[in-house]
Amino acid sequence: MVLIVMGVTGCGKTTVGTRLAGELGWAFEDADAFHPPENIAKMRRGIALTDEDRAPWLSAIRARADRAIAGGESLVVGCSALKAAYRRVLGEGLRAIRFVYLRGDEPLLAERLRNRLGHFMDPTLLGSQLATLEEPESAIRIEIALPLAAQVRRIREKLEA
């Protein structure tokens, strides 16, 4: 199975995804590692990515998911997956994929970004990410205001149900 832990910048995709993968004994991949250098440079400058910018990135993540499923590997991927079209690229035709949506309000997200160090994403892009976000209907929905352990526990409970 492949789980895509998704949401806007600052929602905790890497933190929750890493902890979840560790508890499940699965591999974790951060989708940021799949961005070409041009995308990272744009985001550092506070320039929002276009769908054209994201296309090769999404294809690379999908290829990784395909390899995991073909190889019988379970995988957690932290990936924004903001639009329904992006989620279709990532999951279309795959029965062994689920999305976990980390949902939070703008003030909490902005506070997290103010306190985050060492990440390339310019915090001013939060507004554009929230504007781009198309909330998924069929994902496991988790509120980021919950403590980390509670978020992971709820995801695991929903997966087992």
C-alpha atoms as a PDB file:
ATOM      1  CA  MET A   1       0.000   0.000   0.000  1.00  0.00           C
ATOM      2  CA  VAL A   2       1.030   3.596  -0.611  1.00  0.00           C
ATOM      3  CA  LEU A   3      -0.235   6.357   1.679  1.00  0.00           C
ATOM      4  CA  ILE A   4       0.029   9.944   0.493  1.00  0.00           C
ATOM      5  CA  VAL A   5       0.039  12.313   3.480  1.00  0.00           C
ATOM      6  CA  MET A   6      -1.107  15.569   1.917  1.00  0.00           C
ATOM      7  CA  GLY A   7      -1.869  19.192   2.697  1.00  0.00           C
ATOM      8  CA  VAL A   8      -0.489  22.695   2.411  1.00  0.00           C
ATOM      9  CA  THR A   9       2.930  23.831   3.540  1.00  0.00           C
ATOM     10  CA  GLY A  10       3.388  23.678   7.301  1.00  0.00           C
ATOM     11  CA  CYS A  11       0.651  21.109   7.981  1.00  0.00           C
ATOM     12  CA  GLY A  12       3.150  18.472   9.120  1.00  0.00           C
ATOM     13  CA  LYS A  13       3.358  16.081   6.172  1.00  0.00           C
ATOM     14  CA  THR A  14       6.967  15.124   6.887  1.00  0.00           C
ATOM     15  CA  THR A  15       6.567  14.959  10.664  1.00  0.00           C
ATOM     16  CA  VAL A  16       3.358  12.913  10.589  1.00  0.00           C
ATOM     17  CA  GLY A  17       4.480  10.815   7.609  1.00  0.00           C
ATOM     18  CA  THR A  18       7.824   9.923   9.172  1.00  0.00           C
ATOM     19  CA  ARG A  19       6.240   8.972  12.491  1.00  0.00           C
ATOM     20  CA  LEU A  20       3.477   6.969  10.789  1.00  0.00           C
ATOM     21  CA  ALA A  21       5.933   5.130   8.545  1.00  0.00           C
ATOM     22  CA  GLY A  22       8.115   4.336  11.545  1.00  0.00           C
ATOM     23  CA  GLU A  23       5.214   2.906  13.525  1.00  0.00           C
ATOM     24  CA  LEU A  24       4.041   0.838  10.549  1.00  0.00           C
ATOM     25  CA  GLY A  25       7.553  -0.299   9.625  1.00  0.00           C
ATOM     26  CA  TRP A  26       7.157   1.207   6.137  1.00  0.00           C
ATOM     27  CA  ALA A  27       9.477   3.395   4.071  1.00  0.00           C
ATOM     28  CA  PHE A  28       8.957   7.172   3.986  1.00  0.00           C
ATOM     29  CA  GLU A  29       9.614   9.492   1.064  1.00  0.00           C
ATOM     30  CA  ASP A  30       9.354  13.276   1.157  1.00  0.00           C
ATOM     31  CA  ALA A  31       7.974  14.522  -2.153  1.00  0.00           C
ATOM     32  CA  ASP A  32      10.156  17.626  -1.827  1.00  0.00           C
ATOM     33  CA  ALA A  33      13.098  15.393  -2.790  1.00  0.00           C
ATOM     34  CA  PHE A  34      11.478  14.800  -6.200  1.00  0.00           C
ATOM     35  CA  HIS A  35      11.375  18.507  -7.163  1.00  0.00           C
ATOM     36  CA  PRO A  36      13.764  19.574  -9.893  1.00  0.00           C
ATOM     37  CA  PRO A  37      16.197  22.333  -8.808  1.00  0.00           C
ATOM     38  CA  GLU A  38      14.254  24.936 -10.837  1.00  0.00           C
ATOM     39  CA  ASN A  39      11.129  24.343  -8.728  1.00  0.00           C
ATOM     40  CA  ILE A  40      13.037  24.677  -5.470  1.00  0.00           C
ATOM     41  CA  ALA A  41      14.642  27.898  -6.675  1.00  0.00           C
ATOM     42  CA  LYS A  42      11.227  29.328  -7.553  1.00  0.00           C
ATOM     43  CA  MET A  43       9.751  28.450  -4.166  1.00  0.00           C
ATOM     44  CA  ARG A  44      12.760  29.938  -2.349  1.00  0.00           C
ATOM     45  CA  ARG A  45      12.048  33.195  -4.180  1.00  0.00           C
ATOM     46  CA  GLY A  46       8.378  33.077  -3.126  1.00  0.00           C
ATOM     47  CA  ILE A  47       7.125  32.201  -6.614  1.00  0.00           C
ATOM     48  CA  ALA A  48       4.220  29.758  -6.690  1.00  0.00           C
ATOM     49  CA  LEU A  49       4.649  26.737  -8.942  1.00  0.00           C
ATOM     50  CA  THR A  50       2.427  26.294 -11.968  1.00  0.00           C
ATOM     51  CA  ASP A  51       0.757  23.081 -13.066  1.00  0.00           C
ATOM     52  CA  GLU A  52       3.441  22.869 -15.758  1.00  0.00           C
ATOM     53  CA  ASP A  53       6.157  23.108 -13.068  1.00  0.00           C
ATOM     54  CA  ARG A  54       4.505  20.365 -11.061  1.00  0.00           C
ATOM     55  CA  ALA A  55       3.973  17.869 -13.918  1.00  0.00           C
ATOM     56  CA  PRO A  56       7.447  16.220 -13.878  1.00  0.00           C
ATOM     57  CA  TRP A  57       7.442  16.265 -10.079  1.00  0.00           C
ATOM     58  CA  LEU A  58       4.102  14.457  -9.907  1.00  0.00           C
ATOM     59  CA  SER A  59       5.257  11.955 -12.540  1.00  0.00           C
ATOM     60  CA  ALA A  60       8.368  11.160 -10.500  1.00  0.00           C
ATOM     61  CA  ILE A  61       6.322  10.605  -7.337  1.00  0.00           C
ATOM     62  CA  ARG A  62       3.866   8.406  -9.242  1.00  0.00           C
ATOM     63  CA  ALA A  63       6.768   6.359 -10.652  1.00  0.00           C
ATOM     64  CA  ARG A  64       8.023   5.819  -7.095  1.00  0.00           C
ATOM     65  CA  ALA A  65       4.553   4.688  -5.973  1.00  0.00           C
ATOM     66  CA  ASP A  66       4.328   2.326  -8.955  1.00  0.00           C
ATOM     67  CA  ARG A  67       7.721   0.809  -8.076  1.00  0.00           C
ATOM     68  CA  ALA A  68       6.682   0.344  -4.462  1.00  0.00           C
ATOM     69  CA  ILE A  69       3.447  -1.405  -5.367  1.00  0.00           C
ATOM     70  CA  ALA A  70       5.098  -3.559  -8.048  1.00  0.00           C
ATOM     71  CA  GLY A  71       7.773  -4.581  -5.547  1.00  0.00           C
ATOM     72  CA  GLY A  72       5.352  -5.367  -2.734  1.00  0.00           C
ATOM     73  CA  GLU A  73       6.667  -2.462  -0.659  1.00  0.00           C
ATOM     74  CA  SER A  74       4.468  -0.354   1.606  1.00  0.00           C
ATOM     75  CA  LEU A  75       5.284   3.334   1.461  1.00  0.00           C
ATOM     76  CA  VAL A  76       4.267   6.646   3.033  1.00  0.00           C
ATOM     77  CA  VAL A  77       4.829   9.771   0.912  1.00  0.00           C
ATOM     78  CA  GLY A  78       4.547  13.314   2.231  1.00  0.00           C
ATOM     79  CA  CYS A  79       3.213  15.311  -0.730  1.00  0.00           C
ATOM     80  CA  SER A  80       1.091  18.455  -0.952  1.00  0.00           C
ATOM     81  CA  ALA A  81      -1.226  16.983  -3.658  1.00  0.00           C
ATOM     82  CA  LEU A  82      -3.273  20.178  -3.492  1.00  0.00           C
ATOM     83  CA  LYS A  83      -5.539  19.667  -6.499  1.00  0.00           C
ATOM     84  CA  ALA A  84      -7.833  16.810  -7.442  1.00  0.00           C
ATOM     85  CA  ALA A  85      -5.991  16.628 -10.780  1.00  0.00           C
ATOM     86  CA  TYR A  86      -2.687  16.087  -8.955  1.00  0.00           C
ATOM     87  CA  ARG A  87      -4.225  13.327  -6.866  1.00  0.00           C
ATOM     88  CA  ARG A  88      -5.502  11.681 -10.055  1.00  0.00           C
ATOM     89  CA  VAL A  89      -1.957  11.663 -11.474  1.00  0.00           C
ATOM     90  CA  LEU A  90      -0.680  10.137  -8.239  1.00  0.00           C
ATOM     91  CA  GLY A  91      -3.375   7.542  -7.752  1.00  0.00           C
ATOM     92  CA  GLU A  92      -5.359   6.848 -10.899  1.00  0.00           C
ATOM     93  CA  GLY A  93      -5.598   3.143 -11.565  1.00  0.00           C
ATOM     94  CA  LEU A  94      -3.923   2.181  -8.294  1.00  0.00           C
ATOM     95  CA  ARG A  95      -6.110   0.278  -5.873  1.00  0.00           C
ATOM     96  CA  ALA A  96      -3.409   0.184  -3.217  1.00  0.00           C
ATOM     97  CA  ILE A  97      -3.223   3.947  -2.613  1.00  0.00           C
ATOM     98  CA  ARG A  98      -4.878   6.071   0.068  1.00  0.00           C
ATOM     99  CA  PHE A  99      -4.723   9.770   0.842  1.00  0.00           C
ATOM    100  CA  VAL A 100      -4.451  11.280   4.325  1.00  0.00           C
ATOM    101  CA  TYR A 101      -5.398  14.967   4.415  1.00  0.00           C
ATOM    102  CA  LEU A 102      -3.793  17.030   7.195  1.00  0.00           C
ATOM    103  CA  ARG A 103      -6.175  19.917   7.683  1.00  0.00           C
ATOM    104  CA  GLY A 104      -5.541  23.098   9.640  1.00  0.00           C
ATOM    105  CA  ASP A 105      -6.682  26.683   9.776  1.00  0.00           C
ATOM    106  CA  GLU A 106      -4.592  29.518   8.375  1.00  0.00           C
ATOM    107  CA  PRO A 107      -3.519  31.077  11.708  1.00  0.00           C
ATOM    108  CA  LEU A 108      -2.142  27.749  12.981  1.00  0.00           C
ATOM    109  CA  LEU A 109      -0.383  27.040   9.678  1.00  0.00           C
ATOM    110  CA  ALA A 110       1.131  30.544   9.610  1.00  0.00           C
ATOM    111  CA  GLU A 111       2.384  30.137  13.186  1.00  0.00           C
ATOM    112  CA  ARG A 112       4.037  26.837  12.299  1.00  0.00           C
ATOM    113  CA  LEU A 113       5.738  28.407   9.291  1.00  0.00           C
ATOM    114  CA  ARG A 114       7.067  31.288  11.394  1.00  0.00           C
ATOM    115  CA  ASN A 115       8.692  28.743  13.709  1.00  0.00           C
ATOM    116  CA  ARG A 116      10.044  26.438  10.988  1.00  0.00           C
ATOM    117  CA  LEU A 117      13.751  26.610  10.265  1.00  0.00           C
ATOM    118  CA  GLY A 118      15.794  25.368   7.345  1.00  0.00           C
ATOM    119  CA  HIS A 119      13.034  24.728   4.803  1.00  0.00           C
ATOM    120  CA  PHE A 120      13.217  26.137   1.277  1.00  0.00           C
ATOM    121  CA  MET A 121       9.517  27.023   1.024  1.00  0.00           C
ATOM    122  CA  ASP A 122       8.945  30.749   1.416  1.00  0.00           C
ATOM    123  CA  PRO A 123       6.228  31.153   4.095  1.00  0.00           C
ATOM    124  CA  THR A 124       4.514  33.807   1.960  1.00  0.00           C
ATOM    125  CA  LEU A 125       3.377  30.977  -0.332  1.00  0.00           C
ATOM    126  CA  LEU A 126       0.884  29.725   2.267  1.00  0.00           C
ATOM    127  CA  GLY A 127      -1.832  31.985   0.826  1.00  0.00           C
ATOM    128  CA  SER A 128      -1.343  30.684  -2.702  1.00  0.00           C
ATOM    129  CA  GLN A 129      -1.359  27.097  -1.450  1.00  0.00           C
ATOM    130  CA  LEU A 130      -4.608  27.638   0.450  1.00  0.00           C
ATOM    131  CA  ALA A 131      -6.122  29.247  -2.658  1.00  0.00           C
ATOM    132  CA  THR A 132      -5.011  26.287  -4.782  1.00  0.00           C
ATOM    133  CA  LEU A 133      -6.127  23.617  -2.304  1.00  0.00           C
ATOM    134  CA  GLU A 134      -9.082  21.508  -3.398  1.00  0.00           C
ATOM    135  CA  GLU A 135      -9.984  19.590  -0.261  1.00  0.00           C
ATOM    136  CA  PRO A 136     -10.271  15.877  -0.985  1.00  0.00           C
ATOM    137  CA  GLU A 137     -13.593  14.196  -0.378  1.00  0.00           C
ATOM    138  CA  SER A 138     -12.444  10.616   0.079  1.00  0.00           C
ATOM    139  CA  ALA A 139      -9.249  11.088   2.085  1.00  0.00           C
ATOM    140  CA  ILE A 140      -8.705  10.268   5.738  1.00  0.00           C
ATOM    141  CA  ARG A 141      -9.086  13.733   7.314  1.00  0.00           C
ATOM    142  CA  ILE A 142      -6.910  14.635  10.288  1.00  0.00           C
ATOM    143  CA  GLU A 143      -6.952  17.935  12.194  1.00  0.00           C
ATOM    144  CA  ILE A 144      -3.422  19.244  12.714  1.00  0.00           C
ATOM    145  CA  ALA A 145      -4.364  20.948  15.985  1.00  0.00           C
ATOM    146  CA  LEU A 146      -4.265  17.466  17.551  1.00  0.00           C
ATOM    147  CA  PRO A 147      -1.005  16.315  19.156  1.00  0.00           C
ATOM    148  CA  LEU A 148       1.247  14.315  16.823  1.00  0.00           C
ATOM    149  CA  ALA A 149       0.613  11.004  18.605  1.00  0.00           C
ATOM    150  CA  ALA A 150      -3.156  11.496  18.326  1.00  0.00           C
ATOM    151  CA  GLN A 151      -2.893  12.302  14.615  1.00  0.00           C
ATOM    152  CA  VAL A 152      -0.913   9.137  13.929  1.00  0.00           C
ATOM    153  CA  ARG A 153      -3.198   7.028  16.131  1.00  0.00           C
ATOM    154  CA  ARG A 154      -6.295   8.275  14.263  1.00  0.00           C
ATOM    155  CA  ILE A 155      -4.718   7.547  10.888  1.00  0.00           C
ATOM    156  CA  ARG A 156      -3.877   4.025  11.997  1.00  0.00           C
ATOM    157  CA  GLU A 157      -7.398   3.494  13.345  1.00  0.00           C
ATOM    158  CA  LYS A 158      -8.913   4.618  10.043  1.00  0.00           C
ATOM    159  CA  LEU A 159      -6.574   2.372   8.074  1.00  0.00           C
ATOM    160  CA  GLU A 160      -7.533  -0.623  10.201  1.00  0.00           C
ATOM    161  CA  ALA A 161     -11.272   0.076   9.915  1.00  0.00           C
END
